[in-house]
Amino acid sequence: MGWERARTEEQKEQRIAAILDATARLYATRPFEKITLVSIAKAAKFTRSNLYKYFNSKEEIFFEFLKQDVIRWRKDLVTTLGKKKRYTVPQFAAAWLDVHRRHERMQDLISILYDFLEKNASIDRMVAFKRLANDEYTIVTGLLCNLFSALSPQKAVRFLNMQLAASIGLYRMTNLSAAQKEVLAYPEFKHLKVDYTVYYQECVEYLLKGLLS
């Protein structure tokens, strides 16, 4: 099926939804770097020129996914952590990790946010994403301050930024190719092998303990 020119807002939303759906199908079977606007247009049954009416680059399409994923992560976090009024630091780190692991696509996209998505997107797209992320951060900051009375809003934001840096670094260190995994299996390199789950939970604990002290 081909697409005629969108003449209403409803039709425009349908076209955008079709593009996102096609991109999601591609992303389920191939990595980000293997996806092109040509492949997206083909999967969505668009011409490339029609695709450009809605997105200027594939990075702008993936920004839409990331916006959706950040909102879902925040809602999951609020629901999960809201089940208790108080947590010990280890309990909190375990719960935080559980939520984090349920949002794998978000982890994957955030790991390329600064190197690829932002560097190849328009200012308008970046500003829109930053504003949304800022709103979601504000909600999570309030949640953290309610759970830990000794945590100021400034320290809560610091925690969010630092755990993000830890997550990106650890994700890149552990999201390896078959060849990289084979090399790390050599006995002489065993000590270089990193377990994301163990290291990330420890990072969350250390960060929070330090900010609460």
Protein backbone atom coordinates (compact mmCIF):
# COMPACT_ATOMS: atom_id res chain seq x y z
CA MET A 1 0.00 0.00 0.00
CA GLY A 2 1.29 3.45 -0.91
CA TRP A 3 0.59 6.59 1.06
CA GLU A 4 -1.18 9.64 -0.31
CA ARG A 5 -0.29 13.08 0.97
CA ALA A 6 -1.58 13.70 4.50
CA ARG A 7 -4.17 16.47 4.46
CA THR A 8 -5.38 16.40 8.08
CA GLU A 9 -3.69 16.13 11.47
CA GLU A 10 -5.22 12.68 11.89
CA GLN A 11 -3.70 11.52 8.61
CA LYS A 12 -0.35 13.01 9.60
CA GLU A 13 -0.44 11.09 12.88
CA GLN A 14 -1.25 7.90 10.95
CA ARG A 15 1.79 8.43 8.70
CA ILE A 16 4.07 9.02 11.69
CA ALA A 17 2.68 5.93 13.44
CA ALA A 18 3.35 3.86 10.30
CA ILE A 19 6.95 5.11 10.15
CA LEU A 20 7.52 4.34 13.83
CA ASP A 21 5.96 0.89 13.47
CA ALA A 22 8.13 0.07 10.46
CA THR A 23 11.26 1.28 12.25
CA ALA A 24 10.40 -0.76 15.35
CA ARG A 25 10.10 -3.90 13.21
CA LEU A 26 13.50 -3.24 11.67
CA TYR A 27 15.07 -2.50 15.06
CA ALA A 28 13.85 -5.84 16.39
CA THR A 29 15.99 -7.66 13.84
CA ARG A 30 19.02 -5.44 13.20
CA PRO A 31 21.21 -2.93 15.07
CA PHE A 32 20.80 0.84 14.82
CA GLU A 33 23.80 1.31 12.51
CA LYS A 34 22.33 -1.14 9.98
CA ILE A 35 19.07 0.79 9.64
CA THR A 36 18.81 3.50 6.99
CA LEU A 37 16.12 5.90 5.86
CA VAL A 38 15.87 3.86 2.67
CA SER A 39 15.14 0.67 4.62
CA ILE A 40 12.64 2.50 6.82
CA ALA A 41 10.85 4.00 3.82
CA LYS A 42 10.68 0.58 2.15
CA ALA A 43 9.31 -1.10 5.30
CA ALA A 44 6.70 1.64 5.76
CA LYS A 45 5.85 1.64 2.02
CA PHE A 46 6.85 5.30 1.70
CA THR A 47 9.02 6.99 -0.84
CA ARG A 48 12.12 8.52 0.69
CA SER A 49 10.90 12.01 -0.29
CA ASN A 50 7.61 11.39 1.55
CA LEU A 51 9.51 10.18 4.61
CA TYR A 52 11.41 13.48 4.70
CA LYS A 53 8.11 15.33 5.18
CA TYR A 54 7.96 13.86 8.70
CA PHE A 55 11.56 13.17 9.73
CA ASN A 56 14.88 14.58 8.48
CA SER A 57 16.98 11.65 9.69
CA LYS A 58 16.68 8.20 11.20
CA GLU A 59 18.01 9.68 14.46
CA GLU A 60 14.90 11.87 14.73
CA ILE A 61 12.74 8.76 14.41
CA PHE A 62 14.65 7.04 17.19
CA PHE A 63 14.22 10.11 19.38
CA GLU A 64 10.48 9.38 19.28
CA PHE A 65 11.13 5.88 20.59
CA LEU A 66 13.34 7.23 23.35
CA LYS A 67 10.71 9.75 24.42
CA GLN A 68 8.13 6.97 24.72
CA ASP A 69 10.58 4.73 26.58
CA VAL A 70 11.57 7.40 29.11
CA ILE A 71 7.92 8.00 29.97
CA ARG A 72 7.30 4.25 30.40
CA TRP A 73 10.43 3.92 32.57
CA ARG A 74 9.34 6.81 34.81
CA LYS A 75 5.82 5.38 35.23
CA ASP A 76 7.25 1.95 36.07
CA LEU A 77 9.69 3.51 38.53
CA VAL A 78 6.97 5.50 40.31
CA THR A 79 4.69 2.46 40.52
CA THR A 80 7.41 0.07 41.69
CA LEU A 81 9.13 2.33 44.22
CA GLY A 82 5.81 3.71 45.42
CA LYS A 83 4.92 0.33 46.91
CA LYS A 84 6.96 1.17 50.03
CA LYS A 85 7.44 4.37 51.99
CA ARG A 86 11.00 3.64 53.04
CA TYR A 87 13.91 1.66 51.64
CA THR A 88 17.35 0.73 52.84
CA VAL A 89 19.99 1.62 50.27
CA PRO A 90 20.48 -2.05 49.18
CA GLN A 91 16.69 -2.53 48.88
CA PHE A 92 16.40 0.61 46.79
CA ALA A 93 19.30 -0.40 44.52
CA ALA A 94 17.73 -3.81 43.91
CA ALA A 95 14.33 -2.26 43.09
CA TRP A 96 15.94 0.40 40.87
CA LEU A 97 17.81 -2.32 38.97
CA ASP A 98 14.65 -4.39 38.50
CA VAL A 99 12.92 -1.45 36.85
CA HIS A 100 16.00 -0.63 34.78
CA ARG A 101 16.21 -4.15 33.36
CA ARG A 102 12.60 -4.03 32.17
CA HIS A 103 13.45 -1.20 29.76
CA GLU A 104 16.16 -2.68 27.58
CA ARG A 105 15.38 -0.62 24.47
CA MET A 106 15.74 2.57 26.49
CA GLN A 107 19.15 1.42 27.74
CA ASP A 108 20.22 0.65 24.19
CA LEU A 109 19.09 4.02 22.84
CA ILE A 110 20.56 6.02 25.71
CA SER A 111 23.90 4.29 25.10
CA ILE A 112 24.01 6.01 21.67
CA LEU A 113 22.20 9.21 22.65
CA TYR A 114 25.20 11.51 22.88
CA ASP A 115 27.41 10.03 20.16
CA PHE A 116 24.78 9.43 17.47
CA LEU A 117 21.22 10.55 18.12
CA GLU A 118 21.92 14.09 19.30
CA LYS A 119 24.76 14.75 16.86
CA ASN A 120 22.56 13.95 13.88
CA ALA A 121 19.24 15.46 14.93
CA SER A 122 17.90 18.99 14.56
CA ILE A 123 18.00 21.53 17.37
CA ASP A 124 14.19 21.43 17.58
CA ARG A 125 14.15 17.65 18.06
CA MET A 126 16.86 17.83 20.70
CA VAL A 127 15.10 20.60 22.60
CA ALA A 128 11.81 18.69 22.52
CA PHE A 129 13.50 15.58 23.92
CA LYS A 130 15.43 17.50 26.59
CA ARG A 131 12.25 19.21 27.76
CA LEU A 132 10.42 15.91 28.04
CA ALA A 133 13.36 14.28 29.85
CA ASN A 134 13.56 17.25 32.20
CA ASP A 135 9.87 16.90 33.09
CA GLU A 136 10.32 13.17 33.77
CA TYR A 137 13.45 13.85 35.83
CA THR A 138 11.50 16.33 37.94
CA ILE A 139 8.93 13.67 38.82
CA VAL A 140 11.63 11.12 39.69
CA THR A 141 13.52 13.71 41.72
CA GLY A 142 10.42 14.27 43.85
CA LEU A 143 10.04 10.53 44.33
CA LEU A 144 13.66 10.14 45.48
CA CYS A 145 13.38 13.02 47.93
CA ASN A 146 10.21 11.49 49.41
CA LEU A 147 11.92 8.13 49.88
CA PHE A 148 15.09 9.60 51.40
CA SER A 149 14.49 12.67 53.55
CA ALA A 150 18.24 13.42 53.68
CA LEU A 151 18.36 13.73 49.89
CA SER A 152 18.01 17.29 48.56
CA PRO A 153 16.58 17.94 45.07
CA GLN A 154 20.07 18.93 43.92
CA LYS A 155 21.56 15.68 45.20
CA ALA A 156 18.70 13.69 43.67
CA VAL A 157 19.48 15.20 40.26
CA ARG A 158 23.16 14.45 40.83
CA PHE A 159 22.26 10.84 41.55
CA LEU A 160 20.19 10.61 38.36
CA ASN A 161 22.98 12.03 36.22
CA MET A 162 25.70 9.88 37.76
CA GLN A 163 23.73 6.63 37.57
CA LEU A 164 23.02 7.45 33.92
CA ALA A 165 26.74 7.81 33.24
CA ALA A 166 27.40 4.49 34.99
CA SER A 167 24.64 2.79 33.04
CA ILE A 168 25.91 4.03 29.66
CA GLY A 169 29.50 3.02 30.40
CA LEU A 170 28.59 -0.41 31.72
CA TYR A 171 26.15 -1.06 28.88
CA ARG A 172 28.85 -0.36 26.32
CA MET A 173 31.30 -2.57 28.19
CA THR A 174 28.87 -5.50 28.29
CA ASN A 175 26.90 -5.22 25.03
CA LEU A 176 29.59 -7.11 23.12
CA SER A 177 30.03 -8.80 19.77
CA ALA A 178 30.71 -12.52 19.49
CA ALA A 179 34.39 -11.81 18.84
CA GLN A 180 34.70 -9.58 21.91
CA LYS A 181 33.08 -12.24 24.09
CA GLU A 182 35.46 -14.86 22.70
CA VAL A 183 38.52 -12.77 23.59
CA LEU A 184 37.25 -12.14 27.13
CA ALA A 185 36.90 -15.90 27.56
CA TYR A 186 40.71 -16.21 27.44
CA PRO A 187 41.98 -17.02 30.95
CA GLU A 188 44.42 -14.08 30.87
CA PHE A 189 41.54 -11.61 30.31
CA LYS A 190 39.05 -13.12 32.74
CA HIS A 191 39.46 -10.24 35.19
CA LEU A 192 38.31 -7.78 32.50
CA LYS A 193 34.89 -9.39 32.16
CA VAL A 194 32.13 -7.20 33.61
CA ASP A 195 28.67 -8.29 34.78
CA TYR A 196 26.31 -5.38 34.07
CA THR A 197 23.74 -6.38 36.70
CA VAL A 198 26.24 -6.74 39.54
CA TYR A 199 28.28 -3.65 38.70
CA TYR A 200 25.31 -1.37 38.02
CA GLN A 201 23.55 -2.29 41.28
CA GLU A 202 26.80 -1.65 43.17
CA CYS A 203 27.16 1.73 41.45
CA VAL A 204 23.65 2.72 42.48
CA GLU A 205 24.36 1.71 46.08
CA TYR A 206 27.68 3.55 46.26
CA LEU A 207 26.28 6.69 44.68
CA LEU A 208 23.30 6.84 47.01
CA LYS A 209 25.33 6.11 50.13
CA GLY A 210 27.76 8.85 49.22
CA LEU A 211 25.03 11.40 48.57
CA LEU A 212 23.22 10.52 51.80
CA SER A 213 26.32 10.76 53.99
